[in-house]
């Protein structure tokens, strides 16, 4: 009989992703400096304490967004290294890379806007 993991880690990951999405939206709308953790928490409908459970600061949120982006790149490169060196693999690598860059474009627009 298989033992299943509790759903809690998934729920934490989902909350973390929601925090990142809301923070990114607010940073893009009103700027990093003008966005507070309180505003992020209010938009999510959680307490600041709940927010602090996942991130200690706005800097931590931004760092997590950038780290997640580069983790996706690293994972794609690692995957590519295990694949046969064919035209099909090159096409898949380029497709995966394009999707990662396209999905991460909001992070980089926010970073550029808030320099």
Foldseek 3Di string as FASTA:
>chain_A
DDDDDDCVVVVLVVVLVLLLVLLLVCCLVPNDVPDACCNSCVVVVHHSVVVCVNPVGSVRSLVVLVVVLVVQVVVLVVVLVVDDPDPVSVVVSVVSVVVSCVVSVSSVSSVVVHD
